[in-house]
Amino acid sequence: YWEEKVFAQVIEYYERENQLSRAIEVTNCAIKIHSYSPDFYLKKAQLLIDNHQESQALKVLEEASIFAPLDAEIGILRAEALARMGLH
C-alpha cells in the first residue's frame, strides 16, 4: 500500500499530463486504502468537475462531508459543480 503522499504525487502527475481519467482511477485507489482522508475525496470531486462529471462530484462531496463536515472546500466545490450544471 502506498502512503498518502505517494498517491498525491501520482495523482498530480496524471493531472499535469492532462490524463484526468487516470488521475480519477488513482484517486479511487487512494480512497479505498485511505478511506478516512477527506483530501482524496476533495481531489476526486475537483477532478470530476474538471472532467465535466459534476453530478458524480456532488456524490463524492456528500461522502467527504461525513469525514470533514466543517471543511469550507466542500462548499466551494459544491458551488462550482452546481454552477457548471447551471443550477445557481
N, C-alpha and C. Protein backbone atom coordinates (compact mmCIF):
# COMPACT_ATOMS: atom_id res chain seq x y z
N TYR A 1 0.83 -1.19 0.00
CA TYR A 1 0.00 0.00 0.00
C TYR A 1 0.87 1.24 0.00
N TRP A 2 0.44 2.21 -0.77
CA TRP A 2 1.17 3.48 -0.83
C TRP A 2 0.72 4.40 0.28
N GLU A 3 1.63 5.24 0.69
CA GLU A 3 1.30 6.29 1.65
C GLU A 3 0.50 7.37 0.92
N GLU A 4 -0.16 8.20 1.69
CA GLU A 4 -0.97 9.27 1.11
C GLU A 4 -0.14 10.18 0.21
N LYS A 5 1.08 10.47 0.63
CA LYS A 5 1.95 11.37 -0.13
C LYS A 5 2.25 10.81 -1.51
N VAL A 6 2.47 9.52 -1.60
CA VAL A 6 2.78 8.89 -2.89
C VAL A 6 1.56 8.94 -3.80
N PHE A 7 0.40 8.64 -3.26
CA PHE A 7 -0.83 8.75 -4.05
C PHE A 7 -0.99 10.17 -4.57
N ALA A 8 -0.78 11.16 -3.71
CA ALA A 8 -0.93 12.56 -4.11
C ALA A 8 0.02 12.91 -5.25
N GLN A 9 1.23 12.40 -5.20
CA GLN A 9 2.20 12.68 -6.26
C GLN A 9 1.79 12.04 -7.58
N VAL A 10 1.29 10.83 -7.53
CA VAL A 10 0.85 10.15 -8.76
C VAL A 10 -0.37 10.85 -9.35
N ILE A 11 -1.29 11.22 -8.50
CA ILE A 11 -2.48 11.94 -8.97
C ILE A 11 -2.07 13.25 -9.62
N GLU A 12 -1.16 13.97 -8.98
CA GLU A 12 -0.68 15.24 -9.51
C GLU A 12 0.01 15.04 -10.86
N TYR A 13 0.77 13.98 -11.00
CA TYR A 13 1.44 13.69 -12.27
C TYR A 13 0.41 13.54 -13.39
N TYR A 14 -0.59 12.69 -13.17
CA TYR A 14 -1.60 12.47 -14.20
C TYR A 14 -2.39 13.74 -14.48
N GLU A 15 -2.60 14.53 -13.47
CA GLU A 15 -3.31 15.79 -13.67
C GLU A 15 -2.48 16.74 -14.54
N ARG A 16 -1.19 16.82 -14.27
CA ARG A 16 -0.30 17.66 -15.09
C ARG A 16 -0.26 17.18 -16.54
N GLU A 17 -0.32 15.87 -16.73
CA GLU A 17 -0.28 15.28 -18.07
C GLU A 17 -1.65 15.32 -18.75
N ASN A 18 -2.62 15.94 -18.10
CA ASN A 18 -3.98 16.08 -18.61
C ASN A 18 -4.63 14.72 -18.87
N GLN A 19 -4.35 13.78 -18.00
CA GLN A 19 -4.96 12.44 -18.06
C GLN A 19 -5.90 12.32 -16.86
N LEU A 20 -7.01 13.04 -16.95
CA LEU A 20 -7.93 13.12 -15.81
C LEU A 20 -8.54 11.77 -15.46
N SER A 21 -8.84 10.96 -16.45
CA SER A 21 -9.43 9.65 -16.13
C SER A 21 -8.46 8.79 -15.34
N ARG A 22 -7.17 8.86 -15.68
CA ARG A 22 -6.16 8.11 -14.90
C ARG A 22 -6.03 8.67 -13.49
N ALA A 23 -6.06 9.99 -13.39
CA ALA A 23 -5.97 10.62 -12.08
C ALA A 23 -7.15 10.21 -11.21
N ILE A 24 -8.34 10.11 -11.81
CA ILE A 24 -9.53 9.69 -11.07
C ILE A 24 -9.38 8.23 -10.62
N GLU A 25 -8.84 7.38 -11.48
CA GLU A 25 -8.61 5.97 -11.12
C GLU A 25 -7.69 5.86 -9.91
N VAL A 26 -6.60 6.61 -9.93
CA VAL A 26 -5.65 6.57 -8.81
C VAL A 26 -6.31 7.12 -7.55
N THR A 27 -7.13 8.15 -7.70
CA THR A 27 -7.84 8.71 -6.56
C THR A 27 -8.80 7.67 -5.97
N ASN A 28 -9.45 6.89 -6.83
CA ASN A 28 -10.32 5.82 -6.34
C ASN A 28 -9.53 4.82 -5.51
N CYS A 29 -8.35 4.45 -5.97
CA CYS A 29 -7.49 3.53 -5.21
C CYS A 29 -7.08 4.15 -3.87
N ALA A 30 -6.74 5.42 -3.91
CA ALA A 30 -6.34 6.11 -2.67
C ALA A 30 -7.48 6.12 -1.67
N ILE A 31 -8.71 6.33 -2.15
CA ILE A 31 -9.86 6.35 -1.26
C ILE A 31 -10.11 4.97 -0.66
N LYS A 32 -9.89 3.92 -1.45
CA LYS A 32 -10.08 2.56 -0.92
C LYS A 32 -9.12 2.28 0.22
N ILE A 33 -7.90 2.75 0.09
CA ILE A 33 -6.88 2.46 1.10
C ILE A 33 -6.92 3.46 2.26
N HIS A 34 -7.12 4.72 1.94
CA HIS A 34 -7.13 5.79 2.94
C HIS A 34 -8.54 6.40 2.99
N SER A 35 -9.50 5.58 3.32
CA SER A 35 -10.90 5.98 3.22
C SER A 35 -11.31 7.08 4.20
N TYR A 36 -10.51 7.35 5.20
CA TYR A 36 -10.86 8.39 6.17
C TYR A 36 -10.16 9.71 5.88
N SER A 37 -9.48 9.81 4.75
CA SER A 37 -8.79 11.03 4.39
C SER A 37 -9.67 11.89 3.48
N PRO A 38 -10.19 12.99 3.98
CA PRO A 38 -11.07 13.81 3.14
C PRO A 38 -10.35 14.44 1.95
N ASP A 39 -9.04 14.55 2.02
CA ASP A 39 -8.29 15.17 0.93
C ASP A 39 -8.49 14.44 -0.40
N PHE A 40 -8.53 13.13 -0.36
CA PHE A 40 -8.71 12.38 -1.60
C PHE A 40 -10.13 12.52 -2.15
N TYR A 41 -11.10 12.63 -1.27
CA TYR A 41 -12.47 12.88 -1.73
C TYR A 41 -12.56 14.24 -2.41
N LEU A 42 -11.92 15.23 -1.81
CA LEU A 42 -11.94 16.57 -2.38
C LEU A 42 -11.21 16.60 -3.72
N LYS A 43 -10.10 15.91 -3.80
CA LYS A 43 -9.34 15.86 -5.05
C LYS A 43 -10.17 15.17 -6.13
N LYS A 44 -10.82 14.07 -5.76
CA LYS A 44 -11.64 13.35 -6.74
C LYS A 44 -12.78 14.24 -7.22
N ALA A 45 -13.41 14.95 -6.31
CA ALA A 45 -14.50 15.85 -6.71
C ALA A 45 -14.00 16.91 -7.68
N GLN A 46 -12.84 17.50 -7.40
CA GLN A 46 -12.29 18.51 -8.30
C GLN A 46 -11.99 17.92 -9.67
N LEU A 47 -11.41 16.72 -9.69
CA LEU A 47 -11.10 16.07 -10.96
C LEU A 47 -12.38 15.76 -11.74
N LEU A 48 -13.41 15.32 -11.04
CA LEU A 48 -14.69 15.04 -11.72
C LEU A 48 -15.30 16.31 -12.29
N ILE A 49 -15.21 17.40 -11.56
CA ILE A 49 -15.72 18.69 -12.06
C ILE A 49 -14.93 19.09 -13.30
N ASP A 50 -13.62 18.96 -13.23
CA ASP A 50 -12.77 19.31 -14.38
C ASP A 50 -13.05 18.42 -15.58
N ASN A 51 -13.55 17.21 -15.32
CA ASN A 51 -13.84 16.24 -16.38
C ASN A 51 -15.33 16.26 -16.76
N HIS A 52 -16.04 17.33 -16.35
CA HIS A 52 -17.45 17.55 -16.71
C HIS A 52 -18.36 16.44 -16.17
N GLN A 53 -18.07 15.95 -14.98
CA GLN A 53 -18.89 14.93 -14.32
C GLN A 53 -19.38 15.49 -12.99
N GLU A 54 -20.10 16.60 -13.10
CA GLU A 54 -20.50 17.34 -11.91
C GLU A 54 -21.42 16.56 -10.98
N SER A 55 -22.36 15.80 -11.52
CA SER A 55 -23.28 15.06 -10.65
C SER A 55 -22.54 14.01 -9.83
N GLN A 56 -21.54 13.37 -10.42
CA GLN A 56 -20.73 12.42 -9.66
C GLN A 56 -19.90 13.14 -8.60
N ALA A 57 -19.42 14.33 -8.94
CA ALA A 57 -18.65 15.12 -7.99
C ALA A 57 -19.49 15.47 -6.77
N LEU A 58 -20.76 15.78 -6.98
CA LEU A 58 -21.64 16.10 -5.85
C LEU A 58 -21.81 14.90 -4.92
N LYS A 59 -21.87 13.70 -5.48
CA LYS A 59 -21.98 12.49 -4.66
C LYS A 59 -20.71 12.30 -3.82
N VAL A 60 -19.56 12.54 -4.44
CA VAL A 60 -18.28 12.41 -3.72
C VAL A 60 -18.20 13.45 -2.61
N LEU A 61 -18.71 14.64 -2.87
CA LEU A 61 -18.68 15.68 -1.85
C LEU A 61 -19.58 15.33 -0.66
N GLU A 62 -20.66 14.62 -0.92
CA GLU A 62 -21.51 14.15 0.18
C GLU A 62 -20.73 13.19 1.07
N GLU A 63 -19.96 12.31 0.45
CA GLU A 63 -19.12 11.39 1.22
C GLU A 63 -18.07 12.15 2.02
N ALA A 64 -17.46 13.15 1.38
CA ALA A 64 -16.42 13.95 2.05
C ALA A 64 -16.98 14.66 3.26
N SER A 65 -18.23 15.09 3.18
CA SER A 65 -18.81 15.83 4.30
C SER A 65 -19.00 14.95 5.54
N ILE A 66 -19.00 13.64 5.35
CA ILE A 66 -19.07 12.73 6.50
C ILE A 66 -17.78 12.81 7.33
N PHE A 67 -16.65 12.89 6.63
CA PHE A 67 -15.35 12.88 7.30
C PHE A 67 -14.86 14.27 7.69
N ALA A 68 -15.35 15.28 6.99
CA ALA A 68 -14.92 16.66 7.28
C ALA A 68 -16.09 17.62 7.11
N PRO A 69 -17.07 17.54 8.01
CA PRO A 69 -18.29 18.34 7.83
C PRO A 69 -18.09 19.85 7.85
N LEU A 70 -17.01 20.31 8.44
CA LEU A 70 -16.77 21.75 8.54
C LEU A 70 -15.77 22.26 7.51
N ASP A 71 -15.34 21.43 6.59
CA ASP A 71 -14.35 21.83 5.59
C ASP A 71 -14.99 22.78 4.58
N ALA A 72 -14.47 23.98 4.50
CA ALA A 72 -15.02 25.01 3.61
C ALA A 72 -14.88 24.64 2.14
N GLU A 73 -13.86 23.86 1.82
CA GLU A 73 -13.63 23.50 0.42
C GLU A 73 -14.77 22.65 -0.14
N ILE A 74 -15.44 21.90 0.71
CA ILE A 74 -16.59 21.11 0.27
C ILE A 74 -17.67 22.03 -0.28
N GLY A 75 -17.95 23.09 0.44
CA GLY A 75 -18.96 24.06 -0.02
C GLY A 75 -18.55 24.76 -1.30
N ILE A 76 -17.27 25.09 -1.39
CA ILE A 76 -16.77 25.77 -2.60
C ILE A 76 -16.89 24.85 -3.81
N LEU A 77 -16.46 23.60 -3.67
CA LEU A 77 -16.55 22.65 -4.78
C LEU A 77 -18.01 22.35 -5.13
N ARG A 78 -18.87 22.26 -4.13
CA ARG A 78 -20.29 22.03 -4.38
C ARG A 78 -20.87 23.19 -5.20
N ALA A 79 -20.52 24.41 -4.82
CA ALA A 79 -20.99 25.59 -5.56
C ALA A 79 -20.46 25.59 -7.00
N GLU A 80 -19.20 25.21 -7.16
CA GLU A 80 -18.62 25.15 -8.51
C GLU A 80 -19.33 24.12 -9.37
N ALA A 81 -19.60 22.94 -8.81
CA ALA A 81 -20.29 21.89 -9.55
C ALA A 81 -21.70 22.33 -9.93
N LEU A 82 -22.42 22.90 -8.99
CA LEU A 82 -23.78 23.36 -9.27
C LEU A 82 -23.81 24.47 -10.31
N ALA A 83 -22.84 25.38 -10.24
CA ALA A 83 -22.76 26.47 -11.22
C ALA A 83 -22.50 25.92 -12.62
N ARG A 84 -21.63 24.95 -12.72
CA ARG A 84 -21.35 24.35 -14.03
C ARG A 84 -22.54 23.59 -14.58
N MET A 85 -23.41 23.13 -13.68
CA MET A 85 -24.63 22.43 -14.10
C MET A 85 -25.74 23.44 -14.42
N GLY A 86 -25.47 24.72 -14.18
CA GLY A 86 -26.46 25.75 -14.43
C GLY A 86 -27.48 25.89 -13.33
N LEU A 87 -27.18 25.36 -12.16
CA LEU A 87 -28.08 25.43 -11.00
C LEU A 87 -27.54 26.46 -10.02
N HIS A 88 -27.98 27.68 -10.16
CA HIS A 88 -27.47 28.78 -9.32
C HIS A 88 -28.28 28.92 -8.07
